[in-house]
Amino acid sequence: MKIKDAEILIIPGYTNSGPDHWQSRWQARMETARRVEQAAWSKPVCEDWVARVREEIDRASRPVVLIGHSLGIAAAVHAVQDGSRVEKVRGGFFVAPPEVDNPKVRPKHLMTFGPYPRNPLPFPSFVIASRNDSFSSFEKAEEIADAWGSFFVDAGHSGHINAESGHGPWPEGLMVFAKFMKRI
């Protein structure tokens, strides 16, 4: 599938993705991309975030590809678990999934999004995780990717794969995303 043939939904995590974040940069480069805006970026409520993702999927007039980062992944996965959007969503590209069921991970808002659904996702998906992400252990990310039937990508020691960890434009990620799009 070509990017121009899909509606790319950018789903940021906790506190949104700033202008230097790879999600914001990709959104600016992809003509068919739009951000799923949340009412409360710094005080996320799972039900509200999930509802916004569902609204944006329902609004789409073309096949949908989800690009989730961090807590945006949890909102996206919860949004598609009811099965009603299976025909619209063609793929999920998920980067740095946080441990939403670990009481030691901060901020505590993450726990309201857990646990992750464990059903296989009804569309092709990639999960990219770092070995030193402060919001998730590598093993937990690998475990959830396996449960979802996702292709798992080891990003090495890359932190939370955001602007703060040096992943502004993140050209390597964009190359992986392009390969992902060719597969769906």
C-alpha atoms as a PDB file:
ATOM      1  CA  MET A   1       0.000   0.000   0.000  1.00  0.00           C
ATOM      2  CA  LYS A   2       1.212   3.482  -0.768  1.00  0.00           C
ATOM      3  CA  ILE A   3       1.031   6.229   1.831  1.00  0.00           C
ATOM      4  CA  LYS A   4      -1.067   8.378  -0.513  1.00  0.00           C
ATOM      5  CA  ASP A   5      -3.715   5.626  -0.621  1.00  0.00           C
ATOM      6  CA  ALA A   6      -4.186   5.509   3.163  1.00  0.00           C
ATOM      7  CA  GLU A   7      -5.251   7.813   5.945  1.00  0.00           C
ATOM      8  CA  ILE A   8      -2.356   7.851   8.372  1.00  0.00           C
ATOM      9  CA  LEU A   9      -3.494   8.468  11.936  1.00  0.00           C
ATOM     10  CA  ILE A  10      -0.702   9.824  14.149  1.00  0.00           C
ATOM     11  CA  ILE A  11      -1.498   8.842  17.739  1.00  0.00           C
ATOM     12  CA  PRO A  12       0.885  10.517  20.205  1.00  0.00           C
ATOM     13  CA  GLY A  13       1.336   9.492  23.796  1.00  0.00           C
ATOM     14  CA  TYR A  14       1.337  11.262  27.126  1.00  0.00           C
ATOM     15  CA  THR A  15       1.798  15.074  26.771  1.00  0.00           C
ATOM     16  CA  ASN A  16       1.570  14.872  22.929  1.00  0.00           C
ATOM     17  CA  SER A  17       4.473  14.873  20.479  1.00  0.00           C
ATOM     18  CA  GLY A  18       6.185  18.242  20.206  1.00  0.00           C
ATOM     19  CA  PRO A  19       7.472  19.843  16.986  1.00  0.00           C
ATOM     20  CA  ASP A  20      10.844  18.046  17.174  1.00  0.00           C
ATOM     21  CA  HIS A  21       9.319  14.589  17.736  1.00  0.00           C
ATOM     22  CA  TRP A  22       9.492  12.168  14.807  1.00  0.00           C
ATOM     23  CA  GLN A  23       5.676  11.833  14.783  1.00  0.00           C
ATOM     24  CA  SER A  24       5.265  15.580  14.190  1.00  0.00           C
ATOM     25  CA  ARG A  25       7.935  15.571  11.502  1.00  0.00           C
ATOM     26  CA  TRP A  26       6.397  12.564   9.749  1.00  0.00           C
ATOM     27  CA  GLN A  27       2.949  14.145   9.919  1.00  0.00           C
ATOM     28  CA  ALA A  28       4.304  17.255   8.173  1.00  0.00           C
ATOM     29  CA  ARG A  29       5.851  15.078   5.421  1.00  0.00           C
ATOM     30  CA  MET A  30       2.882  12.784   4.794  1.00  0.00           C
ATOM     31  CA  GLU A  31       0.078  14.462   2.899  1.00  0.00           C
ATOM     32  CA  THR A  32      -2.568  12.027   4.139  1.00  0.00           C
ATOM     33  CA  ALA A  33      -1.515  12.068   7.818  1.00  0.00           C
ATOM     34  CA  ARG A  34      -3.451  13.686  10.613  1.00  0.00           C
ATOM     35  CA  ARG A  35      -3.019  13.717  14.372  1.00  0.00           C
ATOM     36  CA  VAL A  36      -5.557  12.282  16.758  1.00  0.00           C
ATOM     37  CA  GLU A  37      -5.994  15.252  19.098  1.00  0.00           C
ATOM     38  CA  GLN A  38      -6.808  14.584  22.734  1.00  0.00           C
ATOM     39  CA  ALA A  39      -8.612  16.971  25.087  1.00  0.00           C
ATOM     40  CA  ALA A  40      -6.277  16.243  28.002  1.00  0.00           C
ATOM     41  CA  TRP A  41      -2.706  15.431  26.963  1.00  0.00           C
ATOM     42  CA  SER A  42      -1.247  15.678  30.468  1.00  0.00           C
ATOM     43  CA  LYS A  43      -4.125  14.001  32.329  1.00  0.00           C
ATOM     44  CA  PRO A  44      -5.087  11.142  30.017  1.00  0.00           C
ATOM     45  CA  VAL A  45      -8.327   9.249  30.576  1.00  0.00           C
ATOM     46  CA  CYS A  46      -8.361   5.905  28.811  1.00  0.00           C
ATOM     47  CA  GLU A  47     -12.018   5.970  27.773  1.00  0.00           C
ATOM     48  CA  ASP A  48     -11.694   9.475  26.312  1.00  0.00           C
ATOM     49  CA  TRP A  49      -8.506   8.698  24.404  1.00  0.00           C
ATOM     50  CA  VAL A  50      -9.961   5.463  23.013  1.00  0.00           C
ATOM     51  CA  ALA A  51     -13.140   7.272  21.955  1.00  0.00           C
ATOM     52  CA  ARG A  52     -11.096   9.896  20.061  1.00  0.00           C
ATOM     53  CA  VAL A  53      -9.142   7.207  18.190  1.00  0.00           C
ATOM     54  CA  ARG A  54     -12.416   5.480  17.267  1.00  0.00           C
ATOM     55  CA  GLU A  55     -13.904   8.779  16.051  1.00  0.00           C
ATOM     56  CA  GLU A  56     -10.928   9.396  13.774  1.00  0.00           C
ATOM     57  CA  ILE A  57     -11.017   5.859  12.388  1.00  0.00           C
ATOM     58  CA  ASP A  58     -14.747   6.190  11.737  1.00  0.00           C
ATOM     59  CA  ARG A  59     -14.194   9.548  10.024  1.00  0.00           C
ATOM     60  CA  ALA A  60     -11.737   8.057   7.541  1.00  0.00           C
ATOM     61  CA  SER A  61     -12.787   7.693   3.924  1.00  0.00           C
ATOM     62  CA  ARG A  62      -9.793   5.546   2.932  1.00  0.00           C
ATOM     63  CA  PRO A  63      -7.998   2.596   4.544  1.00  0.00           C
ATOM     64  CA  VAL A  64      -6.410   3.578   7.852  1.00  0.00           C
ATOM     65  CA  VAL A  65      -2.871   2.988   9.088  1.00  0.00           C
ATOM     66  CA  LEU A  66      -2.204   3.754  12.744  1.00  0.00           C
ATOM     67  CA  ILE A  67       1.136   5.210  13.893  1.00  0.00           C
ATOM     68  CA  GLY A  68       1.157   5.087  17.676  1.00  0.00           C
ATOM     69  CA  HIS A  69       3.848   6.164  20.090  1.00  0.00           C
ATOM     70  CA  SER A  70       3.919   5.273  23.765  1.00  0.00           C
ATOM     71  CA  LEU A  71       0.508   5.728  25.433  1.00  0.00           C
ATOM     72  CA  GLY A  72      -1.013   6.344  21.999  1.00  0.00           C
ATOM     73  CA  ILE A  73      -0.419   2.642  21.319  1.00  0.00           C
ATOM     74  CA  ALA A  74      -2.593   1.642  24.256  1.00  0.00           C
ATOM     75  CA  ALA A  75      -5.386   3.954  23.074  1.00  0.00           C
ATOM     76  CA  ALA A  76      -5.127   2.564  19.529  1.00  0.00           C
ATOM     77  CA  VAL A  77      -5.133  -1.088  20.556  1.00  0.00           C
ATOM     78  CA  HIS A  78      -8.085  -0.635  22.913  1.00  0.00           C
ATOM     79  CA  ALA A  79      -9.933   1.232  20.129  1.00  0.00           C
ATOM     80  CA  VAL A  80      -9.771  -1.682  17.697  1.00  0.00           C
ATOM     81  CA  GLN A  81     -10.423  -4.547  20.116  1.00  0.00           C
ATOM     82  CA  ASP A  82     -14.206  -4.474  19.702  1.00  0.00           C
ATOM     83  CA  GLY A  83     -13.761  -5.642  16.097  1.00  0.00           C
ATOM     84  CA  SER A  84     -16.046  -3.008  14.583  1.00  0.00           C
ATOM     85  CA  ARG A  85     -13.245  -1.223  12.721  1.00  0.00           C
ATOM     86  CA  VAL A  86     -11.485  -4.264  11.275  1.00  0.00           C
ATOM     87  CA  GLU A  87     -12.378  -3.423   7.681  1.00  0.00           C
ATOM     88  CA  LYS A  88     -11.049   0.145   7.945  1.00  0.00           C
ATOM     89  CA  VAL A  89      -7.728  -0.400   9.732  1.00  0.00           C
ATOM     90  CA  ARG A  90      -5.095  -1.980   7.483  1.00  0.00           C
ATOM     91  CA  GLY A  91      -2.076  -1.731   9.753  1.00  0.00           C
ATOM     92  CA  GLY A  92      -0.509  -0.558  12.974  1.00  0.00           C
ATOM     93  CA  PHE A  93       2.998   0.823  13.425  1.00  0.00           C
ATOM     94  CA  PHE A  94       3.659   0.999  17.160  1.00  0.00           C
ATOM     95  CA  VAL A  95       6.790   2.550  18.679  1.00  0.00           C
ATOM     96  CA  ALA A  96       7.850   2.315  22.349  1.00  0.00           C
ATOM     97  CA  PRO A  97       4.866   0.640  24.014  1.00  0.00           C
ATOM     98  CA  PRO A  98       4.798   1.529  27.720  1.00  0.00           C
ATOM     99  CA  GLU A  99       4.073  -0.971  30.463  1.00  0.00           C
ATOM    100  CA  VAL A 100       0.529   0.028  31.286  1.00  0.00           C
ATOM    101  CA  ASP A 101       0.191  -2.572  34.026  1.00  0.00           C
ATOM    102  CA  ASN A 102       3.411  -1.908  35.962  1.00  0.00           C
ATOM    103  CA  PRO A 103       2.804   0.104  39.169  1.00  0.00           C
ATOM    104  CA  LYS A 104       6.488   1.134  39.258  1.00  0.00           C
ATOM    105  CA  VAL A 105       6.324   3.000  35.930  1.00  0.00           C
ATOM    106  CA  ARG A 106       5.588   6.699  36.168  1.00  0.00           C
ATOM    107  CA  PRO A 107       3.434   8.647  35.577  1.00  0.00           C
ATOM    108  CA  LYS A 108       0.619   6.717  37.232  1.00  0.00           C
ATOM    109  CA  HIS A 109      -1.745   7.753  34.394  1.00  0.00           C
ATOM    110  CA  LEU A 110      -0.299   4.875  32.371  1.00  0.00           C
ATOM    111  CA  MET A 111      -1.938   2.325  34.670  1.00  0.00           C
ATOM    112  CA  THR A 112      -5.444   3.519  33.730  1.00  0.00           C
ATOM    113  CA  PHE A 113      -4.763   2.196  30.191  1.00  0.00           C
ATOM    114  CA  GLY A 114      -3.845  -1.298  31.337  1.00  0.00           C
ATOM    115  CA  PRO A 115      -3.778  -4.084  30.953  1.00  0.00           C
ATOM    116  CA  TYR A 116      -3.268  -4.345  27.211  1.00  0.00           C
ATOM    117  CA  PRO A 117      -5.695  -6.569  25.339  1.00  0.00           C
ATOM    118  CA  ARG A 118      -3.890  -9.827  24.533  1.00  0.00           C
ATOM    119  CA  ASN A 119      -5.887 -10.833  21.457  1.00  0.00           C
ATOM    120  CA  PRO A 120      -4.021 -10.954  18.154  1.00  0.00           C
ATOM    121  CA  LEU A 121      -4.541  -7.761  16.189  1.00  0.00           C
ATOM    122  CA  PRO A 122      -6.774  -8.191  13.127  1.00  0.00           C
ATOM    123  CA  PHE A 123      -4.284  -6.396  10.853  1.00  0.00           C
ATOM    124  CA  PRO A 124      -0.529  -6.448  10.185  1.00  0.00           C
ATOM    125  CA  SER A 125       1.510  -4.593  12.785  1.00  0.00           C
ATOM    126  CA  PHE A 126       5.056  -3.701  13.762  1.00  0.00           C
ATOM    127  CA  VAL A 127       6.158  -3.072  17.328  1.00  0.00           C
ATOM    128  CA  ILE A 128       9.471  -1.262  17.770  1.00  0.00           C
ATOM    129  CA  ALA A 129      11.005  -1.261  21.239  1.00  0.00           C
ATOM    130  CA  SER A 130      14.194  -0.105  22.899  1.00  0.00           C
ATOM    131  CA  ARG A 131      16.306  -2.074  25.350  1.00  0.00           C
ATOM    132  CA  ASN A 132      16.569   0.912  27.724  1.00  0.00           C
ATOM    133  CA  ASP A 133      13.134   2.545  27.586  1.00  0.00           C
ATOM    134  CA  SER A 134      12.309   4.031  30.988  1.00  0.00           C
ATOM    135  CA  PHE A 135       8.602   3.352  30.411  1.00  0.00           C
ATOM    136  CA  SER A 136       8.886  -0.355  29.590  1.00  0.00           C
ATOM    137  CA  SER A 137      11.143  -3.327  29.850  1.00  0.00           C
ATOM    138  CA  PHE A 138      12.286  -4.787  26.559  1.00  0.00           C
ATOM    139  CA  GLU A 139      10.937  -8.195  27.583  1.00  0.00           C
ATOM    140  CA  LYS A 140       7.433  -6.813  28.228  1.00  0.00           C
ATOM    141  CA  ALA A 141       7.387  -5.050  24.856  1.00  0.00           C
ATOM    142  CA  GLU A 142       8.473  -8.261  23.129  1.00  0.00           C
ATOM    143  CA  GLU A 143       5.830 -10.236  25.030  1.00  0.00           C
ATOM    144  CA  ILE A 144       2.996  -7.900  24.023  1.00  0.00           C
ATOM    145  CA  ALA A 145       4.154  -7.843  20.398  1.00  0.00           C
ATOM    146  CA  ASP A 146       4.048 -11.640  20.411  1.00  0.00           C
ATOM    147  CA  ALA A 147       0.513 -11.659  21.864  1.00  0.00           C
ATOM    148  CA  TRP A 148      -0.646  -9.253  19.153  1.00  0.00           C
ATOM    149  CA  GLY A 149       1.037 -11.247  16.374  1.00  0.00           C
ATOM    150  CA  SER A 150       3.164  -8.205  15.540  1.00  0.00           C
ATOM    151  CA  PHE A 151       6.511  -8.187  13.777  1.00  0.00           C
ATOM    152  CA  PHE A 152       8.938  -7.153  16.513  1.00  0.00           C
ATOM    153  CA  VAL A 153      11.835  -4.762  15.867  1.00  0.00           C
ATOM    154  CA  ASP A 154      14.707  -4.427  18.360  1.00  0.00           C
ATOM    155  CA  ALA A 155      15.755  -0.746  18.367  1.00  0.00           C
ATOM    156  CA  GLY A 156      18.794  -1.396  20.546  1.00  0.00           C
ATOM    157  CA  HIS A 157      19.555   1.136  23.262  1.00  0.00           C
ATOM    158  CA  SER A 158      17.387   3.993  22.007  1.00  0.00           C
ATOM    159  CA  GLY A 159      15.618   5.280  25.109  1.00  0.00           C
ATOM    160  CA  HIS A 160      11.940   6.098  24.644  1.00  0.00           C
ATOM    161  CA  ILE A 161      12.431   6.739  20.901  1.00  0.00           C
ATOM    162  CA  ASN A 162      11.381  10.367  21.067  1.00  0.00           C
ATOM    163  CA  ALA A 163      12.970  13.783  20.595  1.00  0.00           C
ATOM    164  CA  GLU A 164      14.545  13.643  24.075  1.00  0.00           C
ATOM    165  CA  SER A 165      16.380  10.422  23.151  1.00  0.00           C
ATOM    166  CA  GLY A 166      17.685  11.960  19.925  1.00  0.00           C
ATOM    167  CA  HIS A 167      14.973  10.683  17.589  1.00  0.00           C
ATOM    168  CA  GLY A 168      13.799  13.913  15.986  1.00  0.00           C
ATOM    169  CA  PRO A 169      13.526  13.163  12.277  1.00  0.00           C
ATOM    170  CA  TRP A 170      14.339   9.459  12.856  1.00  0.00           C
ATOM    171  CA  PRO A 171      15.103   8.505   9.236  1.00  0.00           C
ATOM    172  CA  GLU A 172      15.747   4.862  10.188  1.00  0.00           C
ATOM    173  CA  GLY A 173      12.229   4.617  11.547  1.00  0.00           C
ATOM    174  CA  LEU A 174      10.818   6.163   8.392  1.00  0.00           C
ATOM    175  CA  MET A 175      12.628   3.519   6.319  1.00  0.00           C
ATOM    176  CA  VAL A 176      11.129   0.761   8.478  1.00  0.00           C
ATOM    177  CA  PHE A 177       7.693   2.377   8.104  1.00  0.00           C
ATOM    178  CA  ALA A 178       8.112   2.452   4.302  1.00  0.00           C
ATOM    179  CA  LYS A 179       8.915  -1.290   4.339  1.00  0.00           C
ATOM    180  CA  PHE A 180       5.885  -1.873   6.542  1.00  0.00           C
ATOM    181  CA  MET A 181       3.641  -0.014   4.089  1.00  0.00           C
ATOM    182  CA  LYS A 182       4.904  -2.200   1.234  1.00  0.00           C
ATOM    183  CA  ARG A 183       3.814  -5.283   3.183  1.00  0.00           C
ATOM    184  CA  ILE A 184       0.209  -4.198   3.611  1.00  0.00           C
END
